Amino acid sequence: MSRDLLPIGSVVCLKGAEKPMMICGFCPTGPARPGYVYDYSGFPYPEGYMDTLKIYQFDSEQIEKVLALGYQDRETFVYMNALQQKIDDVKQQTAENYEKAKADAGDKGQE
C-alpha cells in the first residue's frame, strides 16, 4: 500500500472505471476476496451512498488520478499517521486469520 493515504472525502478516478469514487473509509474487507484488506472503500461520485451494493473497495494502485482532496486538519494528520502505522499489522493479521480458518476447514474435511 502507498504510504501516502488520501483523506476521507477525496474524489479519485480509478483505472478503467466510468465514474469517479469518493473515499469514505480505510481498510475494508469484502466477500469477493476473503482474507484480503483493501486500502479504501468508496461511493460513486456524485451520487454518494445509495445502498449497500454500491460501496466499493479498491487499492491505491487502482487510482489513476486524484480529482479532489478531502478535508484535512490537524486531527486528520494525527489520525492518518497512526493509521499508516497500523495498516500493515491489520493486513497481516487478517491474512493469517484467513489462512488459519482455511487450514482448520481442511482439517475438518479430512476427518
N, C-alpha and C. Protein backbone atom coordinates (compact mmCIF):
# COMPACT_ATOMS: atom_id res chain seq x y z
N MET A 1 0.85 -1.18 0.00
CA MET A 1 0.00 0.00 0.00
C MET A 1 0.88 1.24 0.00
N SER A 2 0.42 2.23 -0.68
CA SER A 2 1.13 3.51 -0.66
C SER A 2 1.11 4.06 0.76
N ARG A 3 2.20 4.69 1.16
CA ARG A 3 2.25 5.28 2.49
C ARG A 3 1.62 6.67 2.51
N ASP A 4 1.17 7.17 1.37
CA ASP A 4 0.52 8.47 1.29
C ASP A 4 -0.98 8.27 1.16
N LEU A 5 -1.64 8.12 2.30
CA LEU A 5 -3.08 7.92 2.29
C LEU A 5 -3.80 9.19 1.88
N LEU A 6 -4.91 9.02 1.21
CA LEU A 6 -5.76 10.15 0.85
C LEU A 6 -6.85 10.29 1.93
N PRO A 7 -7.21 11.51 2.27
CA PRO A 7 -8.22 11.70 3.33
C PRO A 7 -9.63 11.34 2.86
N ILE A 8 -10.46 11.06 3.84
CA ILE A 8 -11.89 10.82 3.59
C ILE A 8 -12.44 12.01 2.81
N GLY A 9 -13.30 11.72 1.83
CA GLY A 9 -13.89 12.78 1.02
C GLY A 9 -13.13 13.06 -0.26
N SER A 10 -11.93 12.48 -0.40
CA SER A 10 -11.18 12.66 -1.65
C SER A 10 -11.94 11.99 -2.79
N VAL A 11 -11.88 12.60 -3.96
CA VAL A 11 -12.53 12.06 -5.15
C VAL A 11 -11.44 11.64 -6.12
N VAL A 12 -11.52 10.38 -6.56
CA VAL A 12 -10.49 9.81 -7.42
C VAL A 12 -11.09 9.14 -8.65
N CYS A 13 -10.31 9.07 -9.70
CA CYS A 13 -10.65 8.27 -10.88
C CYS A 13 -9.88 6.97 -10.77
N LEU A 14 -10.57 5.85 -10.92
CA LEU A 14 -9.93 4.55 -10.90
C LEU A 14 -9.65 4.10 -12.32
N LYS A 15 -8.58 3.38 -12.50
CA LYS A 15 -8.22 2.86 -13.83
C LYS A 15 -9.37 2.03 -14.38
N GLY A 16 -9.82 2.36 -15.58
CA GLY A 16 -10.86 1.59 -16.25
C GLY A 16 -12.28 1.84 -15.76
N ALA A 17 -12.47 2.74 -14.81
CA ALA A 17 -13.81 3.00 -14.26
C ALA A 17 -14.50 4.11 -15.04
N GLU A 18 -15.82 4.03 -15.09
CA GLU A 18 -16.61 5.04 -15.79
C GLU A 18 -16.90 6.26 -14.92
N LYS A 19 -17.02 6.04 -13.61
CA LYS A 19 -17.38 7.11 -12.69
C LYS A 19 -16.29 7.30 -11.65
N PRO A 20 -16.12 8.52 -11.16
CA PRO A 20 -15.19 8.75 -10.06
C PRO A 20 -15.72 8.11 -8.77
N MET A 21 -14.82 7.93 -7.82
CA MET A 21 -15.16 7.40 -6.50
C MET A 21 -14.80 8.43 -5.45
N MET A 22 -15.64 8.54 -4.41
CA MET A 22 -15.33 9.37 -3.26
C MET A 22 -14.93 8.44 -2.12
N ILE A 23 -13.75 8.64 -1.57
CA ILE A 23 -13.25 7.79 -0.50
C ILE A 23 -14.08 8.03 0.77
N CYS A 24 -14.54 6.91 1.37
CA CYS A 24 -15.36 7.02 2.58
C CYS A 24 -14.80 6.21 3.74
N GLY A 25 -13.72 5.45 3.50
CA GLY A 25 -13.18 4.66 4.60
C GLY A 25 -11.86 4.01 4.24
N PHE A 26 -11.25 3.40 5.26
CA PHE A 26 -9.95 2.76 5.12
C PHE A 26 -10.03 1.30 5.55
N CYS A 27 -9.21 0.48 4.93
CA CYS A 27 -9.00 -0.92 5.31
C CYS A 27 -10.27 -1.78 5.34
N PRO A 28 -11.12 -1.66 4.31
CA PRO A 28 -12.30 -2.53 4.30
C PRO A 28 -11.95 -3.94 3.84
N THR A 29 -12.78 -4.88 4.21
CA THR A 29 -12.70 -6.24 3.70
C THR A 29 -13.99 -6.51 2.95
N GLY A 30 -14.00 -7.53 2.13
CA GLY A 30 -15.22 -7.83 1.40
C GLY A 30 -15.29 -9.29 1.03
N PRO A 31 -16.48 -9.78 0.72
CA PRO A 31 -16.66 -11.20 0.41
C PRO A 31 -16.01 -11.63 -0.92
N ALA A 32 -15.72 -10.69 -1.81
CA ALA A 32 -15.12 -11.04 -3.09
C ALA A 32 -13.71 -11.61 -2.92
N ARG A 33 -13.00 -11.16 -1.89
CA ARG A 33 -11.64 -11.63 -1.61
C ARG A 33 -11.49 -11.86 -0.10
N PRO A 34 -12.01 -12.97 0.39
CA PRO A 34 -11.90 -13.25 1.82
C PRO A 34 -10.44 -13.23 2.27
N GLY A 35 -10.19 -12.60 3.41
CA GLY A 35 -8.84 -12.55 3.94
C GLY A 35 -8.00 -11.42 3.39
N TYR A 36 -8.56 -10.61 2.50
CA TYR A 36 -7.81 -9.51 1.90
C TYR A 36 -8.32 -8.19 2.47
N VAL A 37 -7.41 -7.28 2.74
CA VAL A 37 -7.77 -5.95 3.23
C VAL A 37 -7.42 -4.93 2.16
N TYR A 38 -8.44 -4.24 1.67
CA TYR A 38 -8.23 -3.20 0.66
C TYR A 38 -7.71 -1.92 1.33
N ASP A 39 -7.23 -1.00 0.52
CA ASP A 39 -6.76 0.27 1.05
C ASP A 39 -7.93 1.20 1.38
N TYR A 40 -8.94 1.23 0.52
CA TYR A 40 -10.03 2.21 0.67
C TYR A 40 -11.39 1.58 0.39
N SER A 41 -12.43 2.22 0.92
CA SER A 41 -13.80 1.98 0.47
C SER A 41 -14.29 3.31 -0.10
N GLY A 42 -15.26 3.22 -1.00
CA GLY A 42 -15.75 4.45 -1.61
C GLY A 42 -17.13 4.30 -2.21
N PHE A 43 -17.70 5.45 -2.52
CA PHE A 43 -19.01 5.55 -3.16
C PHE A 43 -18.84 6.18 -4.53
N PRO A 44 -19.74 5.84 -5.46
CA PRO A 44 -19.70 6.54 -6.74
C PRO A 44 -19.95 8.03 -6.53
N TYR A 45 -19.23 8.83 -7.26
CA TYR A 45 -19.39 10.28 -7.17
C TYR A 45 -20.10 10.78 -8.41
N PRO A 46 -21.10 11.63 -8.33
CA PRO A 46 -21.52 12.45 -7.21
C PRO A 46 -22.66 11.88 -6.39
N GLU A 47 -23.14 10.68 -6.71
CA GLU A 47 -24.32 10.14 -6.03
C GLU A 47 -24.10 9.90 -4.54
N GLY A 48 -22.93 9.39 -4.17
CA GLY A 48 -22.69 9.04 -2.78
C GLY A 48 -23.38 7.75 -2.41
N TYR A 49 -23.64 7.57 -1.14
CA TYR A 49 -24.24 6.33 -0.63
C TYR A 49 -25.67 6.20 -1.13
N MET A 50 -25.93 5.12 -1.83
CA MET A 50 -27.29 4.84 -2.32
C MET A 50 -27.84 3.56 -1.67
N ASP A 51 -27.01 2.54 -1.62
CA ASP A 51 -27.38 1.29 -0.97
C ASP A 51 -26.12 0.47 -0.73
N THR A 52 -26.26 -0.63 0.02
CA THR A 52 -25.09 -1.41 0.41
C THR A 52 -24.40 -2.08 -0.77
N LEU A 53 -25.08 -2.19 -1.90
CA LEU A 53 -24.47 -2.81 -3.07
C LEU A 53 -23.59 -1.84 -3.84
N LYS A 54 -23.57 -0.59 -3.45
CA LYS A 54 -22.78 0.41 -4.15
C LYS A 54 -21.67 0.99 -3.28
N ILE A 55 -21.14 0.15 -2.41
CA ILE A 55 -19.94 0.50 -1.64
C ILE A 55 -18.81 -0.32 -2.24
N TYR A 56 -17.79 0.33 -2.71
CA TYR A 56 -16.71 -0.34 -3.42
C TYR A 56 -15.45 -0.36 -2.58
N GLN A 57 -14.63 -1.37 -2.82
CA GLN A 57 -13.32 -1.47 -2.18
C GLN A 57 -12.27 -1.38 -3.29
N PHE A 58 -11.19 -0.66 -3.01
CA PHE A 58 -10.13 -0.54 -4.00
C PHE A 58 -8.81 -0.22 -3.32
N ASP A 59 -7.74 -0.41 -4.08
CA ASP A 59 -6.39 -0.18 -3.58
C ASP A 59 -5.77 1.05 -4.23
N SER A 60 -4.74 1.57 -3.60
CA SER A 60 -4.03 2.75 -4.11
C SER A 60 -3.57 2.56 -5.54
N GLU A 61 -3.12 1.35 -5.87
CA GLU A 61 -2.61 1.08 -7.21
C GLU A 61 -3.67 1.25 -8.30
N GLN A 62 -4.93 1.17 -7.93
CA GLN A 62 -6.02 1.32 -8.89
C GLN A 62 -6.36 2.79 -9.17
N ILE A 63 -5.84 3.69 -8.38
CA ILE A 63 -6.15 5.11 -8.55
C ILE A 63 -5.31 5.67 -9.69
N GLU A 64 -6.02 6.18 -10.69
CA GLU A 64 -5.34 6.77 -11.84
C GLU A 64 -5.09 8.26 -11.66
N LYS A 65 -6.06 8.94 -11.02
CA LYS A 65 -5.97 10.39 -10.88
C LYS A 65 -6.75 10.84 -9.65
N VAL A 66 -6.20 11.80 -8.92
CA VAL A 66 -6.90 12.41 -7.79
C VAL A 66 -7.56 13.68 -8.30
N LEU A 67 -8.89 13.73 -8.22
CA LEU A 67 -9.64 14.90 -8.68
C LEU A 67 -9.77 15.96 -7.61
N ALA A 68 -9.90 15.53 -6.34
CA ALA A 68 -10.06 16.48 -5.23
C ALA A 68 -9.63 15.80 -3.94
N LEU A 69 -8.95 16.54 -3.10
CA LEU A 69 -8.57 16.03 -1.78
C LEU A 69 -9.65 16.36 -0.77
N GLY A 70 -9.91 15.41 0.12
CA GLY A 70 -10.87 15.64 1.19
C GLY A 70 -10.32 16.62 2.21
N TYR A 71 -11.21 17.01 3.12
CA TYR A 71 -10.86 17.97 4.18
C TYR A 71 -9.72 17.44 5.03
N GLN A 72 -8.77 18.32 5.36
CA GLN A 72 -7.63 17.95 6.19
C GLN A 72 -7.41 19.01 7.26
N ASP A 73 -7.25 18.54 8.49
CA ASP A 73 -6.89 19.43 9.59
C ASP A 73 -5.91 18.67 10.48
N ARG A 74 -5.57 19.25 11.61
CA ARG A 74 -4.60 18.61 12.50
C ARG A 74 -5.06 17.22 12.91
N GLU A 75 -6.33 17.09 13.23
CA GLU A 75 -6.88 15.79 13.64
C GLU A 75 -6.73 14.75 12.52
N THR A 76 -6.95 15.18 11.29
CA THR A 76 -6.78 14.28 10.15
C THR A 76 -5.35 13.77 10.07
N PHE A 77 -4.38 14.67 10.20
CA PHE A 77 -2.97 14.27 10.10
C PHE A 77 -2.57 13.33 11.23
N VAL A 78 -3.04 13.59 12.44
CA VAL A 78 -2.74 12.71 13.57
C VAL A 78 -3.32 11.32 13.30
N TYR A 79 -4.57 11.28 12.88
CA TYR A 79 -5.23 10.00 12.58
C TYR A 79 -4.53 9.26 11.46
N MET A 80 -4.23 9.94 10.37
CA MET A 80 -3.60 9.30 9.21
C MET A 80 -2.22 8.75 9.58
N ASN A 81 -1.49 9.46 10.39
CA ASN A 81 -0.18 9.00 10.82
C ASN A 81 -0.31 7.71 11.63
N ALA A 82 -1.25 7.68 12.57
CA ALA A 82 -1.47 6.48 13.36
C ALA A 82 -1.97 5.33 12.49
N LEU A 83 -2.85 5.63 11.56
CA LEU A 83 -3.40 4.61 10.67
C LEU A 83 -2.31 3.99 9.81
N GLN A 84 -1.44 4.79 9.28
CA GLN A 84 -0.37 4.27 8.45
C GLN A 84 0.50 3.27 9.21
N GLN A 85 0.68 3.49 10.49
CA GLN A 85 1.50 2.60 11.31
C GLN A 85 0.79 1.27 11.58
N LYS A 86 -0.53 1.27 11.52
CA LYS A 86 -1.31 0.08 11.83
C LYS A 86 -1.69 -0.76 10.61
N ILE A 87 -1.71 -0.17 9.44
CA ILE A 87 -2.23 -0.85 8.25
C ILE A 87 -1.54 -2.19 7.99
N ASP A 88 -0.24 -2.21 8.01
CA ASP A 88 0.48 -3.46 7.74
C ASP A 88 0.12 -4.53 8.75
N ASP A 89 -0.02 -4.16 10.02
CA ASP A 89 -0.40 -5.12 11.05
C ASP A 89 -1.80 -5.68 10.80
N VAL A 90 -2.72 -4.81 10.44
CA VAL A 90 -4.11 -5.23 10.19
C VAL A 90 -4.15 -6.19 9.01
N LYS A 91 -3.47 -5.83 7.93
CA LYS A 91 -3.46 -6.69 6.75
C LYS A 91 -2.82 -8.04 7.06
N GLN A 92 -1.73 -8.03 7.78
CA GLN A 92 -1.04 -9.27 8.14
C GLN A 92 -1.92 -10.15 9.01
N GLN A 93 -2.55 -9.58 10.02
CA GLN A 93 -3.40 -10.36 10.93
C GLN A 93 -4.61 -10.93 10.21
N THR A 94 -5.22 -10.14 9.33
CA THR A 94 -6.37 -10.62 8.57
C THR A 94 -5.99 -11.79 7.69
N ALA A 95 -4.86 -11.69 7.01
CA ALA A 95 -4.39 -12.77 6.15
C ALA A 95 -4.09 -14.03 6.96
N GLU A 96 -3.46 -13.86 8.12
CA GLU A 96 -3.15 -15.01 8.98
C GLU A 96 -4.43 -15.68 9.47
N ASN A 97 -5.42 -14.88 9.87
CA ASN A 97 -6.70 -15.44 10.33
C ASN A 97 -7.39 -16.22 9.23
N TYR A 98 -7.35 -15.69 8.01
CA TYR A 98 -7.98 -16.36 6.89
C TYR A 98 -7.29 -17.69 6.60
N GLU A 99 -5.95 -17.68 6.58
CA GLU A 99 -5.20 -18.90 6.31
C GLU A 99 -5.45 -19.95 7.40
N LYS A 100 -5.54 -19.51 8.65
CA LYS A 100 -5.82 -20.44 9.75
C LYS A 100 -7.22 -21.04 9.60
N ALA A 101 -8.19 -20.21 9.25
CA ALA A 101 -9.56 -20.71 9.06
C ALA A 101 -9.61 -21.70 7.91
N LYS A 102 -8.88 -21.42 6.83
CA LYS A 102 -8.82 -22.35 5.70
C LYS A 102 -8.20 -23.68 6.11
N ALA A 103 -7.11 -23.59 6.87
CA ALA A 103 -6.44 -24.81 7.33
C ALA A 103 -7.34 -25.61 8.26
N ASP A 104 -8.04 -24.91 9.16
CA ASP A 104 -8.96 -25.59 10.09
C ASP A 104 -10.09 -26.26 9.32
N ALA A 105 -10.59 -25.61 8.29
CA ALA A 105 -11.67 -26.20 7.46
C ALA A 105 -11.16 -27.42 6.72
N GLY A 106 -9.91 -27.36 6.27
CA GLY A 106 -9.32 -28.51 5.57
C GLY A 106 -9.13 -29.68 6.50
N ASP A 107 -8.73 -29.40 7.75
CA ASP A 107 -8.54 -30.47 8.74
C ASP A 107 -9.86 -31.14 9.06
N LYS A 108 -10.93 -30.39 9.16
CA LYS A 108 -12.26 -30.96 9.45
C LYS A 108 -12.76 -31.81 8.30
N GLY A 109 -12.40 -31.42 7.06
CA GLY A 109 -12.82 -32.18 5.89
C GLY A 109 -12.11 -33.52 5.77
N GLN A 110 -10.96 -33.66 6.42
CA GLN A 110 -10.19 -34.90 6.34
C GLN A 110 -10.57 -35.88 7.44
N GLU A 111 -11.40 -35.46 8.37
CA GLU A 111 -11.78 -36.33 9.49
C GLU A 111 -12.79 -37.36 9.06
